[in-house]
Amino acid sequence: MKGFLKKHFKENPISYIGWLGVLGIIGTIFFVPVFIPFLLCFAFFSYTKMQADELFWENVRKASSRGFWTVFLLDIGVFVWMLIRGMMMAGKIPKVGNPFSANLVTLPSFTVEQYIIAFFTLCVNLVVMILVFTISMMQFRRQEKKMIEEE
């Protein structure tokens, strides 16, 4: 995979993720809120001139793992909260008379508010993932520069 990337993309391949920022521009023009967080992808253009060596790919792996696990744990927390919230709301929704849905979270118990919370969570996920990745990469770059200065 790395050989393919080096052969076909002379620049740092991570910088091509920056083109996803165009989706953010489309989101702002056409008022599509889910596309607006893609504006953060323009930050990936800063990796164009950075040399993609083994240390860089190791740092990318570490930073992307941090971003993934942060968003994963955030999702678990939000969706458990939504489940509890939905169960609390289920008691307030009038029952239709179906004996099989007695104390279960059914589709009607997830109101529009629940869908808005889920939508907002997905938007926040993208922002958090990109921010954690970018901050981690900046931190690794700073550590790398410190090691070079010490030598």
Protein backbone atom coordinates (compact mmCIF):
# COMPACT_ATOMS: atom_id res chain seq x y z
CA MET A 1 0.00 0.00 0.00
CA LYS A 2 2.74 2.46 0.94
CA GLY A 3 4.61 1.62 -2.28
CA PHE A 4 1.49 2.30 -4.33
CA LEU A 5 0.97 5.64 -2.60
CA LYS A 6 4.61 6.67 -3.07
CA LYS A 7 4.55 5.70 -6.74
CA HIS A 8 1.27 7.39 -7.72
CA PHE A 9 1.28 10.37 -5.38
CA LYS A 10 4.54 12.29 -5.31
CA GLU A 11 3.34 14.59 -2.54
CA ASN A 12 2.29 13.46 0.90
CA PRO A 13 -0.93 11.42 0.33
CA ILE A 14 -2.50 12.71 3.57
CA SER A 15 -2.71 16.16 1.97
CA TYR A 16 -5.31 14.92 -0.52
CA ILE A 17 -7.83 14.61 2.31
CA GLY A 18 -7.85 18.41 2.21
CA TRP A 19 -10.00 18.28 -0.91
CA LEU A 20 -12.88 17.11 1.28
CA GLY A 21 -13.02 20.73 2.42
CA VAL A 22 -14.86 21.45 -0.83
CA LEU A 23 -17.82 19.59 0.71
CA GLY A 24 -17.73 22.15 3.51
CA ILE A 25 -17.94 24.98 0.99
CA ILE A 26 -20.87 23.25 -0.70
CA GLY A 27 -22.47 22.87 2.74
CA THR A 28 -22.19 26.59 3.45
CA ILE A 29 -23.49 27.59 0.02
CA PHE A 30 -26.49 25.26 0.02
CA PHE A 31 -27.09 25.38 3.82
CA VAL A 32 -26.43 21.68 4.40
CA PRO A 33 -25.27 21.62 8.04
CA VAL A 34 -23.84 18.09 7.90
CA PHE A 35 -21.26 19.20 5.31
CA ILE A 36 -20.02 22.28 7.21
CA PRO A 37 -17.58 20.36 9.50
CA PHE A 38 -15.76 19.23 6.35
CA LEU A 39 -14.26 22.74 6.24
CA LEU A 40 -11.78 21.45 8.83
CA CYS A 41 -10.37 19.11 6.20
CA PHE A 42 -8.59 22.06 4.61
CA ALA A 43 -6.07 21.68 7.47
CA PHE A 44 -4.75 18.53 5.75
CA PHE A 45 -3.25 20.66 2.97
CA SER A 46 -0.57 21.63 5.50
CA TYR A 47 0.93 18.13 5.09
CA THR A 48 1.75 18.70 1.41
CA LYS A 49 5.40 19.60 1.95
CA MET A 50 5.95 17.24 4.87
CA GLN A 51 8.09 14.23 4.08
CA ALA A 52 6.15 10.96 4.46
CA ASP A 53 8.77 8.76 6.13
CA GLU A 54 8.31 5.86 8.54
CA LEU A 55 8.13 8.13 11.58
CA PHE A 56 5.41 10.20 9.88
CA TRP A 57 3.30 7.09 9.15
CA GLU A 58 3.77 5.88 12.73
CA ASN A 59 2.56 9.27 13.98
CA VAL A 60 -0.42 9.11 11.60
CA ARG A 61 -1.28 5.69 12.97
CA LYS A 62 -1.09 6.91 16.58
CA ALA A 63 -3.06 10.11 15.88
CA SER A 64 -5.77 8.32 13.95
CA SER A 65 -6.10 5.72 16.72
CA ARG A 66 -6.53 8.51 19.26
CA GLY A 67 -9.19 10.14 17.08
CA PHE A 68 -11.04 6.87 16.54
CA TRP A 69 -11.12 5.88 20.21
CA THR A 70 -12.14 9.38 21.31
CA VAL A 71 -15.10 9.41 18.93
CA PHE A 72 -15.97 5.79 19.72
CA LEU A 73 -16.20 6.50 23.46
CA LEU A 74 -18.11 9.72 22.79
CA ASP A 75 -20.60 7.75 20.68
CA ILE A 76 -21.06 5.11 23.35
CA GLY A 77 -21.75 7.77 25.96
CA VAL A 78 -24.20 9.71 23.79
CA PHE A 79 -26.09 6.66 22.58
CA VAL A 80 -26.40 5.18 26.08
CA TRP A 81 -27.73 8.56 27.21
CA MET A 82 -30.15 8.57 24.25
CA LEU A 83 -31.32 5.07 25.13
CA ILE A 84 -31.97 6.05 28.75
CA ARG A 85 -33.65 9.25 27.58
CA GLY A 86 -35.81 7.29 25.15
CA MET A 87 -36.84 4.85 27.88
CA MET A 88 -37.82 7.73 30.13
CA MET A 89 -39.83 9.30 27.31
CA ALA A 90 -41.51 5.99 26.49
CA GLY A 91 -43.65 6.30 29.61
CA LYS A 92 -44.99 9.66 28.48
CA ILE A 93 -46.07 8.47 25.04
CA PRO A 94 -49.62 7.06 24.92
CA LYS A 95 -49.71 3.31 24.42
CA VAL A 96 -51.46 1.93 21.37
CA GLY A 97 -52.45 -1.29 23.07
CA ASN A 98 -49.77 -3.59 21.77
CA PRO A 99 -48.94 -6.00 24.62
CA PHE A 100 -45.54 -6.85 23.11
CA SER A 101 -44.22 -3.29 23.45
CA ALA A 102 -44.95 -2.95 27.17
CA ASN A 103 -41.67 -1.60 28.56
CA LEU A 104 -39.57 -1.65 25.44
CA VAL A 105 -38.07 1.28 23.60
CA THR A 106 -40.07 1.37 20.41
CA LEU A 107 -39.65 3.47 17.30
CA PRO A 108 -42.25 6.08 18.30
CA SER A 109 -40.40 6.71 21.57
CA PHE A 110 -37.51 8.15 19.60
CA THR A 111 -38.95 11.53 18.82
CA VAL A 112 -37.64 14.23 16.56
CA GLU A 113 -35.54 15.50 19.46
CA GLN A 114 -33.72 12.16 19.60
CA TYR A 115 -33.00 12.31 15.87
CA ILE A 116 -31.72 15.87 16.21
CA ILE A 117 -29.40 14.77 19.03
CA ALA A 118 -28.11 11.89 16.88
CA PHE A 119 -27.59 14.23 13.91
CA PHE A 120 -25.76 16.73 16.10
CA THR A 121 -23.61 13.91 17.51
CA LEU A 122 -22.57 12.83 14.01
CA CYS A 123 -21.57 16.40 13.15
CA VAL A 124 -19.63 16.74 16.39
CA ASN A 125 -17.93 13.37 15.73
CA LEU A 126 -16.36 14.64 12.53
CA VAL A 127 -15.15 17.82 14.21
CA VAL A 128 -13.75 15.97 17.24
CA MET A 129 -12.02 13.34 15.11
CA ILE A 130 -10.28 15.90 12.90
CA LEU A 131 -9.32 18.08 15.88
CA VAL A 132 -7.90 15.15 17.87
CA PHE A 133 -5.96 13.96 14.82
CA THR A 134 -4.59 17.43 14.05
CA ILE A 135 -3.66 18.24 17.65
CA SER A 136 -1.98 14.84 18.04
CA MET A 137 0.00 15.34 14.84
CA MET A 138 1.08 18.80 16.01
CA GLN A 139 2.15 17.33 19.34
CA PHE A 140 4.14 14.54 17.63
CA ARG A 141 5.76 17.07 15.29
CA ARG A 142 6.78 19.23 18.26
CA GLN A 143 8.28 16.19 20.00
CA GLU A 144 10.15 15.29 16.81
CA LYS A 145 11.60 18.81 16.54
CA LYS A 146 12.67 18.67 20.21
CA MET A 147 14.51 15.39 19.62
CA ILE A 148 16.25 16.86 16.58
CA GLU A 149 17.32 19.96 18.55
CA GLU A 150 18.68 17.83 21.41
CA GLU A 151 20.92 15.90 19.01
